[in-house]
Amino acid sequence: MSLFEQPLAEADNTGAQPLADRMRPRTLDEIVGQPQLLGPGKPLRAQIESDQLGSLLLWGPPGVGKTTLARVIARQTQRRFVPFSAVTSGIKEIREVMAAAERAHAHGQRTILFIDEIHRFNRAQQDAFLPYVESGAITLIGATTENPSFEVNSALLSRARVHVLEALNDESIVDLLRRAIADRERGVLRSRPPEVTLSIDDELLRAMAQFANGDARMALNLLEALLTGAQPAPDGKITIRRADLEATLQHKALLYDRSGEQHFNLISALHKSLRNSDVNASLYWLARMLESGEDPLYVARRMVRFASEDIGLADPRALEQTLAARAALEAIGLPEAALALAQACAYLALAPKSNALYAAYGRVLDDVHSTRADPVPLHLRNAPTKLMKGLGYGRGYQYAPDLEEGIADMECLPENLRDRDYYQPTDQGFEKRLRERLTELSRLRHKREG
């Protein structure tokens, strides 16, 4: 049987489906959330309702309805819906599906090819869809949890409009849970006798929504798990209590991908909160990363870097604190070392900030890469052999500690970089004293030169 001989309306096989699949919205009006895309008068909704939709990419976290929206679009526009997985399919399968799509197109049948996790396709596989998108043989709908700017090649990206789906808020999740409880045809009580009812208060529904963290599938799976094996009282009522919920919940599954955008978003939030001296936000983002499964050594390394980049000599102890936290992590691991990381995090947030050292090193690198690499001045060279002494190595060197006021008037930079001023300390924290010291050193050098 061809992929295109299946009817658009799937057979009713709800008995074998999990609750999350049974409760999939079937129309635009049943979809909760995404008002920025599907609200009245919004462009995407108008395109769907007028059947003027082109290829598109749906970008958003898990469980926000990317697959559901693609199915609703196919149903609304009366197009064939062909799901395609980037995880299990390769070039051979792409060619077979595209050939079938062309045959269907020749007979006037329009096809939506839905590609789940399109970011898992490599560039060559993505390129294989381009001719069929351009010819109109398919309308491509790709779903991804990763930023399409980085994961989808530019040719395909230019031919598909990107729509961003947001994580569902708690009220939307609660609404979905209430629907699943009330719907006797598809909901959680579908297989129960008509006299059986379910009692679960709003507080617990909100707790379930918070646990789901914007993921509708997770919330419905949790509701289904709570009902598994639950027996009604003699009056036919099943009552879910907090103890039942706590027994079912083991650990909040925070959305995270160590190599994906969430990884970069969270470390960016931590860095910017530290830089803004917001200790509360800094501790929060630190905990989010650690509880989500981020490599704690990565977090420790980033804080070590922050201590030098954003604090530097405004507070030299910041580097000591971060190195101590890293050593504690390597010695005892998590969860015990979480407090050591939190201590370093709080110290970094509250320390005075200066990027003067970071900027100075950047100016040095610019000169290293853009100017002639002049030889080390002779007076700065070591002269361990007679030959080297004869060539003038070390001649004219002045040992500063033996001089009055501990400073020599010799030039230590190459001639082509004479008088460069790389390090310009601020008046923050300890750096204020360093600034005063630099001013004093400059005065002493001018005095000796005079």
Protein backbone atom coordinates (compact mmCIF):
# COMPACT_ATOMS: atom_id res chain seq x y z
CA MET A 1 0.00 0.00 0.00
CA SER A 2 1.27 3.47 -0.88
CA LEU A 3 1.94 5.95 1.85
CA PHE A 4 -0.73 8.09 0.20
CA GLU A 5 -3.51 5.53 0.22
CA GLN A 6 -4.22 6.09 3.89
CA PRO A 7 -7.13 8.47 4.53
CA LEU A 8 -6.54 11.79 6.23
CA ALA A 9 -8.74 10.92 9.20
CA GLU A 10 -6.89 8.29 11.19
CA ALA A 11 -8.77 5.20 12.25
CA ASP A 12 -10.14 5.31 15.78
CA ASN A 13 -7.59 3.28 17.65
CA THR A 14 -7.85 5.10 20.97
CA GLY A 15 -7.88 1.90 22.97
CA ALA A 16 -4.18 1.36 22.33
CA GLN A 17 -3.17 5.00 22.52
CA PRO A 18 -1.76 6.76 25.57
CA LEU A 19 -3.80 9.60 26.99
CA ALA A 20 -1.58 12.29 25.46
CA ASP A 21 -2.26 10.93 21.95
CA ARG A 22 -5.98 10.47 22.57
CA MET A 23 -6.35 14.06 23.74
CA ARG A 24 -4.59 15.65 20.77
CA PRO A 25 -6.62 18.66 19.57
CA ARG A 26 -8.38 18.03 16.26
CA THR A 27 -9.19 21.62 15.33
CA LEU A 28 -7.55 25.01 15.69
CA ASP A 29 -10.11 25.98 18.33
CA GLU A 30 -9.13 22.99 20.51
CA ILE A 31 -5.46 24.01 20.60
CA VAL A 32 -4.50 25.71 23.85
CA GLY A 33 -1.73 28.26 24.07
CA GLN A 34 0.17 29.88 21.17
CA PRO A 35 -2.11 32.94 20.91
CA GLN A 36 0.75 34.80 19.20
CA LEU A 37 0.37 32.39 16.25
CA LEU A 38 -3.18 31.06 16.36
CA GLY A 39 -5.18 33.87 17.93
CA PRO A 40 -7.98 35.48 15.89
CA GLY A 41 -6.57 37.48 13.01
CA LYS A 42 -3.00 36.23 13.42
CA PRO A 43 -1.21 35.57 10.10
CA LEU A 44 -0.59 31.85 10.61
CA ARG A 45 -4.22 31.18 11.53
CA ALA A 46 -5.40 33.22 8.56
CA GLN A 47 -3.12 31.27 6.20
CA ILE A 48 -4.42 27.96 7.54
CA GLU A 49 -8.06 28.96 7.36
CA SER A 50 -7.68 30.35 3.83
CA ASP A 51 -5.62 27.32 2.74
CA GLN A 52 -2.76 29.57 1.62
CA LEU A 53 -0.04 27.89 3.65
CA GLY A 54 3.51 27.35 2.41
CA SER A 55 6.31 25.29 3.94
CA LEU A 56 7.17 26.16 7.51
CA LEU A 57 9.33 25.25 10.48
CA LEU A 58 7.88 24.92 13.98
CA TRP A 59 10.46 25.69 16.63
CA GLY A 60 9.75 25.15 20.30
CA PRO A 61 10.39 22.99 23.37
CA PRO A 62 8.95 19.48 23.73
CA GLY A 63 5.26 19.04 24.41
CA VAL A 64 4.00 22.38 23.10
CA GLY A 65 2.03 20.97 20.16
CA LYS A 66 4.31 21.03 17.11
CA THR A 67 3.14 17.64 15.82
CA THR A 68 -0.45 18.39 16.83
CA LEU A 69 -0.45 21.68 14.92
CA ALA A 70 0.91 19.97 11.81
CA ARG A 71 -1.86 17.36 11.99
CA VAL A 72 -4.53 20.02 12.49
CA ILE A 73 -3.19 21.94 9.49
CA ALA A 74 -3.40 18.81 7.34
CA ARG A 75 -6.96 18.12 8.50
CA GLN A 76 -8.05 21.76 8.07
CA THR A 77 -6.60 22.06 4.54
CA GLN A 78 -7.61 18.55 3.43
CA ARG A 79 -4.07 17.48 2.61
CA ARG A 80 -2.44 14.10 3.01
CA PHE A 81 -0.34 13.93 6.17
CA VAL A 82 2.87 11.92 5.93
CA PRO A 83 4.94 11.81 9.14
CA PHE A 84 8.67 11.35 8.66
CA SER A 85 11.27 10.88 11.38
CA ALA A 86 14.75 12.34 11.09
CA VAL A 87 15.91 9.81 13.68
CA THR A 88 15.13 6.64 11.72
CA SER A 89 15.19 7.76 8.08
CA GLY A 90 17.95 8.36 5.55
CA ILE A 91 18.43 9.42 1.92
CA LYS A 92 16.88 6.21 0.58
CA GLU A 93 13.66 6.74 2.54
CA ILE A 94 13.58 10.41 1.53
CA ARG A 95 13.72 9.48 -2.17
CA GLU A 96 10.97 6.89 -1.79
CA VAL A 97 8.66 9.33 -0.01
CA MET A 98 9.42 12.11 -2.49
CA ALA A 99 8.66 9.83 -5.45
CA ALA A 100 5.31 8.92 -3.89
CA ALA A 101 4.61 12.60 -3.24
CA GLU A 102 5.24 13.46 -6.88
CA ARG A 103 2.85 10.74 -8.01
CA ALA A 104 0.19 12.05 -5.65
CA HIS A 105 0.82 15.61 -6.84
CA ALA A 106 0.33 14.51 -10.44
CA HIS A 107 -3.12 13.22 -9.47
CA GLY A 108 -4.08 16.46 -7.74
CA GLN A 109 -3.44 15.24 -4.20
CA ARG A 110 -1.64 17.72 -1.96
CA THR A 111 0.73 16.40 0.66
CA ILE A 112 2.06 17.71 3.93
CA LEU A 113 5.35 16.04 4.77
CA PHE A 114 5.90 16.42 8.49
CA ILE A 115 9.52 15.94 9.60
CA ASP A 116 9.96 15.53 13.33
CA GLU A 117 13.34 16.60 14.73
CA ILE A 118 14.44 18.00 11.39
CA HIS A 119 17.63 19.28 13.03
CA ARG A 120 18.88 15.68 13.15
CA PHE A 121 19.12 15.56 9.35
CA ASN A 122 22.54 16.45 7.99
CA ARG A 123 22.99 19.10 5.29
CA ALA A 124 22.86 16.65 2.40
CA GLN A 125 19.63 15.09 3.67
CA GLN A 126 18.04 18.50 4.12
CA ASP A 127 19.10 19.48 0.59
CA ALA A 128 17.27 16.44 -0.77
CA PHE A 129 13.91 18.08 0.04
CA LEU A 130 14.60 21.35 -1.81
CA PRO A 131 13.51 20.38 -5.35
CA TYR A 132 10.20 18.99 -4.07
CA VAL A 133 9.49 22.03 -1.94
CA GLU A 134 10.18 24.30 -4.91
CA SER A 135 8.07 22.24 -7.32
CA GLY A 136 5.13 22.20 -4.94
CA ALA A 137 5.07 18.39 -4.73
CA ILE A 138 5.07 18.73 -0.94
CA THR A 139 4.36 21.28 1.73
CA LEU A 140 7.13 20.74 4.22
CA ILE A 141 6.47 21.20 7.93
CA GLY A 142 9.54 20.63 10.06
CA ALA A 143 9.55 20.45 13.84
CA THR A 144 12.62 21.18 15.93
CA THR A 145 13.61 21.92 19.50
CA GLU A 146 16.86 23.51 18.28
CA ASN A 147 17.44 26.98 16.86
CA PRO A 148 16.84 26.65 13.09
CA SER A 149 19.42 29.37 12.44
CA PHE A 150 22.11 26.88 13.48
CA GLU A 151 20.55 23.52 12.63
CA VAL A 152 18.74 24.01 9.30
CA ASN A 153 20.70 24.86 6.18
CA SER A 154 20.21 28.31 4.69
CA ALA A 155 18.67 27.10 1.42
CA LEU A 156 15.87 25.25 3.18
CA LEU A 157 15.53 28.00 5.79
CA SER A 158 14.94 30.58 3.05
CA ARG A 159 12.05 28.53 1.63
CA ALA A 160 10.21 27.91 4.90
CA ARG A 161 8.74 30.40 7.34
CA VAL A 162 9.84 29.87 10.95
CA HIS A 163 7.17 30.00 13.67
CA VAL A 164 8.21 29.94 17.32
CA LEU A 165 5.99 27.96 19.70
CA GLU A 166 6.24 28.89 23.37
CA ALA A 167 6.10 26.61 26.39
CA LEU A 168 2.52 26.37 27.68
CA ASN A 169 1.77 28.37 30.81
CA ASP A 170 0.36 26.70 33.90
CA GLU A 171 -3.22 27.79 33.19
CA SER A 172 -3.12 26.19 29.74
CA ILE A 173 -1.80 22.95 31.24
CA VAL A 174 -4.53 22.97 33.92
CA ASP A 175 -7.11 23.51 31.16
CA LEU A 176 -5.79 20.46 29.31
CA LEU A 177 -5.91 18.34 32.46
CA ARG A 178 -9.51 19.37 33.12
CA ARG A 179 -10.44 18.43 29.55
CA ALA A 180 -8.82 15.03 29.96
CA ILE A 181 -10.84 14.46 33.14
CA ALA A 182 -14.15 15.65 31.67
CA ASP A 183 -13.92 13.93 28.26
CA ARG A 184 -15.45 10.46 28.69
CA GLU A 185 -14.80 9.53 25.06
CA ARG A 186 -11.06 10.17 24.90
CA GLY A 187 -10.07 11.21 28.42
CA VAL A 188 -8.48 9.49 31.38
CA LEU A 189 -11.76 7.81 32.45
CA ARG A 190 -12.54 6.47 28.98
CA SER A 191 -12.17 2.80 29.99
CA ARG A 192 -13.94 3.23 33.35
CA PRO A 193 -17.65 2.54 33.93
CA PRO A 194 -19.90 5.61 33.58
CA GLU A 195 -20.56 5.77 37.33
CA VAL A 196 -16.86 6.23 38.12
CA THR A 197 -15.82 9.86 38.70
CA LEU A 198 -12.51 11.54 39.44
CA SER A 199 -11.89 14.12 42.16
CA ILE A 200 -8.70 16.17 42.12
CA ASP A 201 -8.59 19.70 43.51
CA ASP A 202 -7.29 22.76 41.68
CA GLU A 203 -4.22 23.03 43.89
CA LEU A 204 -3.01 19.60 42.80
CA LEU A 205 -3.78 20.37 39.16
CA ARG A 206 -1.61 23.47 39.43
CA ALA A 207 1.15 21.44 41.09
CA MET A 208 0.99 18.99 38.18
CA ALA A 209 1.19 21.89 35.73
CA GLN A 210 4.25 23.29 37.47
CA PHE A 211 5.90 19.88 37.37
CA ALA A 212 5.21 19.59 33.63
CA ASN A 213 7.17 22.80 33.05
CA GLY A 214 5.21 23.81 29.95
CA ASP A 215 5.08 20.29 28.46
CA ALA A 216 1.49 19.16 27.79
CA ARG A 217 2.56 15.58 27.08
CA MET A 218 4.31 15.31 30.42
CA ALA A 219 1.26 16.64 32.27
CA LEU A 220 -1.12 14.17 30.60
CA ASN A 221 1.28 11.28 31.16
CA LEU A 222 1.39 12.21 34.83
CA LEU A 223 -2.41 12.26 35.06
CA GLU A 224 -2.54 8.85 33.39
CA ALA A 225 0.07 7.49 35.80
CA LEU A 226 -1.93 8.74 38.79
CA LEU A 227 -4.98 6.81 37.57
CA THR A 228 -3.11 3.59 36.85
CA GLY A 229 -4.29 1.04 39.36
CA ALA A 230 -6.41 3.58 41.27
CA GLN A 231 -9.60 1.98 42.58
CA PRO A 232 -12.83 3.89 43.15
CA ALA A 233 -14.52 4.10 46.56
CA PRO A 234 -17.91 2.40 47.02
CA ASP A 235 -19.61 5.57 45.77
CA GLY A 236 -17.65 5.32 42.51
CA LYS A 237 -15.35 8.27 43.20
CA ILE A 238 -11.59 8.16 42.67
CA THR A 239 -9.92 10.80 44.81
CA ILE A 240 -6.36 11.92 44.08
CA ARG A 241 -4.56 13.37 47.09
CA ARG A 242 -1.22 15.13 47.48
CA ALA A 243 0.35 11.96 48.86
CA ASP A 244 -0.59 10.16 45.64
CA LEU A 245 0.99 12.91 43.57
CA GLU A 246 4.18 12.96 45.66
CA ALA A 247 4.48 9.19 45.38
CA THR A 248 4.23 9.42 41.58
CA LEU A 249 6.66 12.29 41.21
CA GLN A 250 10.28 11.31 41.58
CA HIS A 251 12.17 14.30 40.22
CA LYS A 252 11.19 17.31 38.18
CA ALA A 253 12.40 16.72 34.64
CA LEU A 254 13.68 20.16 33.72
CA LEU A 255 14.00 20.91 30.02
CA TYR A 256 17.68 20.76 29.17
CA ASP A 257 20.07 19.71 26.46
CA ARG A 258 23.78 19.98 27.22
CA SER A 259 24.64 20.69 23.61
CA GLY A 260 21.53 22.62 22.59
CA GLU A 261 20.19 26.13 22.93
CA GLN A 262 18.93 25.69 26.50
CA HIS A 263 22.51 25.02 27.57
CA PHE A 264 23.67 28.33 26.10
CA ASN A 265 20.61 30.23 27.31
CA LEU A 266 21.10 29.16 30.92
CA ILE A 267 24.83 29.78 31.08
CA SER A 268 24.18 33.19 29.49
CA ALA A 269 21.57 33.93 32.16
CA LEU A 270 24.02 32.94 34.90
CA HIS A 271 26.82 35.08 33.45
CA LYS A 272 24.66 38.15 32.98
CA SER A 273 23.12 37.87 36.44
CA LEU A 274 26.60 37.63 37.99
CA ARG A 275 27.77 40.58 35.92
CA ASN A 276 24.78 42.61 37.15
CA SER A 277 25.61 41.71 40.80
CA ASP A 278 22.18 40.04 41.21
CA VAL A 279 22.98 37.36 43.76
CA ASN A 280 19.44 35.92 43.89
CA ALA A 281 19.14 35.45 40.14
CA SER A 282 22.69 34.09 39.99
CA LEU A 283 21.96 31.39 42.57
CA TYR A 284 18.71 30.52 40.79
CA TRP A 285 20.34 30.01 37.39
CA LEU A 286 23.14 28.02 39.01
CA ALA A 287 20.61 25.69 40.64
CA ARG A 288 18.65 25.37 37.37
CA MET A 289 21.75 24.19 35.56
CA LEU A 290 22.87 21.76 38.26
CA GLU A 291 19.38 20.29 38.79
CA SER A 292 18.89 19.92 35.03
CA GLY A 293 21.90 17.64 34.74
CA GLU A 294 24.54 20.05 33.47
CA ASP A 295 28.13 18.91 33.97
CA PRO A 296 29.04 20.67 37.26
CA LEU A 297 32.69 20.86 36.20
CA TYR A 298 31.62 22.94 33.20
CA VAL A 299 29.79 25.34 35.55
CA ALA A 300 32.86 25.55 37.80
CA ARG A 301 35.13 26.28 34.83
CA ARG A 302 32.81 29.04 33.63
CA MET A 303 32.88 30.66 37.07
CA VAL A 304 36.68 30.51 37.12
CA ARG A 305 36.70 32.31 33.78
CA PHE A 306 34.17 34.86 35.06
CA ALA A 307 36.39 35.65 38.05
CA SER A 308 39.17 36.79 35.71
CA GLU A 309 37.08 38.22 32.90
CA ASP A 310 34.49 40.27 34.77
CA ILE A 311 36.10 40.87 38.17
CA GLY A 312 39.82 40.54 37.63
CA LEU A 313 41.93 42.62 39.97
CA ALA A 314 38.94 44.52 41.36
CA ASP A 315 38.84 41.58 43.80
CA PRO A 316 41.73 39.08 43.39
CA ARG A 317 40.09 36.72 45.89
CA ALA A 318 37.30 35.98 43.42
CA LEU A 319 39.64 33.68 41.51
CA GLU A 320 40.64 31.98 44.77
CA GLN A 321 36.99 31.34 45.62
CA THR A 322 36.18 29.78 42.25
CA LEU A 323 39.30 27.60 42.23
CA ALA A 324 38.47 26.42 45.75
CA ALA A 325 34.93 25.55 44.66
CA ARG A 326 36.28 23.61 41.68
CA ALA A 327 38.67 21.73 43.95
CA ALA A 328 35.81 20.92 46.33
CA LEU A 329 33.76 19.62 43.42
CA GLU A 330 36.59 17.34 42.29
CA ALA A 331 37.14 16.14 45.86
CA ILE A 332 33.59 15.31 46.97
CA GLY A 333 31.35 15.68 43.91
CA LEU A 334 27.65 16.47 43.89
CA PRO A 335 25.39 16.92 45.74
CA GLU A 336 27.80 17.83 48.57
CA ALA A 337 29.82 20.30 46.48
CA ALA A 338 26.72 22.20 45.32
CA LEU A 339 27.08 24.52 48.31
CA ALA A 340 30.72 25.21 47.46
CA LEU A 341 29.63 26.23 43.96
CA ALA A 342 26.84 28.34 45.45
CA GLN A 343 29.34 30.03 47.77
CA ALA A 344 31.59 30.93 44.86
CA CYS A 345 28.55 32.05 42.83
CA ALA A 346 27.38 34.41 45.59
CA TYR A 347 30.91 35.79 46.02
CA LEU A 348 31.18 36.52 42.28
CA ALA A 349 27.80 38.24 42.25
CA LEU A 350 28.65 40.51 45.18
CA ALA A 351 32.26 41.28 44.21
CA PRO A 352 33.12 44.61 42.54
CA LYS A 353 33.26 44.24 38.77
CA SER A 354 35.97 45.25 36.32
CA ASN A 355 36.83 44.06 32.83
CA ALA A 356 40.00 46.16 32.72
CA LEU A 357 42.25 43.10 32.75
CA TYR A 358 40.14 41.42 30.06
CA ALA A 359 40.30 44.56 27.91
CA ALA A 360 44.06 44.91 28.51
CA TYR A 361 44.72 41.37 27.39
CA GLY A 362 42.57 41.95 24.31
CA ARG A 363 44.67 44.99 23.39
CA VAL A 364 47.81 42.94 23.90
CA LEU A 365 46.50 40.20 21.61
CA ASP A 366 45.67 42.77 18.96
CA ASP A 367 49.27 43.97 18.96
CA VAL A 368 50.66 40.43 19.06
CA HIS A 369 48.71 39.52 15.93
CA SER A 370 48.88 42.82 14.03
CA THR A 371 52.42 44.15 14.63
CA ARG A 372 55.88 42.93 13.70
CA ALA A 373 57.23 40.37 16.19
CA ASP A 374 60.38 42.31 17.12
CA PRO A 375 63.17 40.48 18.97
CA VAL A 376 63.38 40.65 22.75
CA PRO A 377 65.49 43.71 23.67
CA LEU A 378 69.08 42.68 24.44
CA HIS A 379 69.04 44.04 27.98
CA LEU A 380 66.11 41.70 28.85
CA ARG A 381 67.78 38.56 27.53
CA ASN A 382 69.46 36.06 29.81
CA ALA A 383 73.17 35.41 29.14
CA PRO A 384 74.14 31.97 30.49
CA THR A 385 77.12 31.56 28.10
CA LYS A 386 80.22 33.61 27.27
CA LEU A 387 79.17 33.85 23.62
CA MET A 388 75.81 35.31 24.57
CA LYS A 389 77.45 37.83 26.87
CA GLY A 390 79.78 38.79 24.03
CA LEU A 391 76.79 39.42 21.79
CA GLY A 392 75.41 41.89 24.32
CA TYR A 393 72.79 39.70 25.95
CA GLY A 394 71.83 41.24 29.27
CA ARG A 395 73.93 44.37 28.78
CA GLY A 396 72.28 47.41 30.36
CA TYR A 397 69.87 45.38 32.48
CA GLN A 398 69.02 47.09 35.78
CA TYR A 399 67.98 45.01 38.79
CA ALA A 400 65.05 47.07 40.08
CA PRO A 401 65.04 45.84 43.73
CA ASP A 402 68.53 47.24 44.17
CA LEU A 403 67.56 50.68 42.91
CA GLU A 404 66.16 53.57 44.85
CA GLU A 405 62.34 53.28 44.99
CA GLY A 406 62.59 49.84 43.29
CA ILE A 407 62.11 50.93 39.69
CA ALA A 408 64.41 51.17 36.67
CA ASP A 409 64.12 53.52 33.71
CA MET A 410 64.70 50.81 31.08
CA GLU A 411 62.13 49.99 28.38
CA CYS A 412 60.71 46.46 28.63
CA LEU A 413 58.56 46.44 25.50
CA PRO A 414 59.96 45.96 21.97
CA GLU A 415 60.94 49.23 20.32
CA ASN A 416 57.96 49.21 17.96
CA LEU A 417 55.56 49.05 20.92
CA ARG A 418 57.30 51.58 23.16
CA ASP A 419 54.97 53.41 25.59
CA ARG A 420 51.97 51.17 24.94
CA ASP A 421 49.39 51.51 27.73
CA TYR A 422 47.45 48.24 27.86
CA TYR A 423 46.16 47.94 31.43
CA GLN A 424 43.86 50.74 32.54
CA PRO A 425 42.45 49.85 35.97
CA THR A 426 39.10 51.17 37.14
CA ASP A 427 38.28 52.62 40.53
CA GLN A 428 36.33 49.50 41.57
CA GLY A 429 37.43 47.55 44.65
CA PHE A 430 41.11 46.66 44.92
CA GLU A 431 41.70 48.02 41.43
CA LYS A 432 41.40 51.53 42.82
CA ARG A 433 44.62 50.91 44.77
CA LEU A 434 46.26 49.48 41.65
CA ARG A 435 45.29 52.59 39.74
CA GLU A 436 46.95 54.73 42.38
CA ARG A 437 50.02 52.47 42.20
CA LEU A 438 50.22 52.85 38.42
CA THR A 439 50.04 56.62 38.77
CA GLU A 440 52.88 56.51 41.32
CA LEU A 441 55.00 54.22 39.09
CA SER A 442 54.50 56.56 36.18
CA ARG A 443 55.64 59.50 38.30
CA LEU A 444 58.75 57.61 39.44
CA ARG A 445 59.68 56.60 35.90
CA HIS A 446 59.42 60.18 34.68
CA LYS A 447 61.52 61.26 37.65
CA ARG A 448 64.30 58.76 36.82
CA GLU A 449 64.20 59.62 33.13
CA GLY A 450 64.53 63.29 34.11
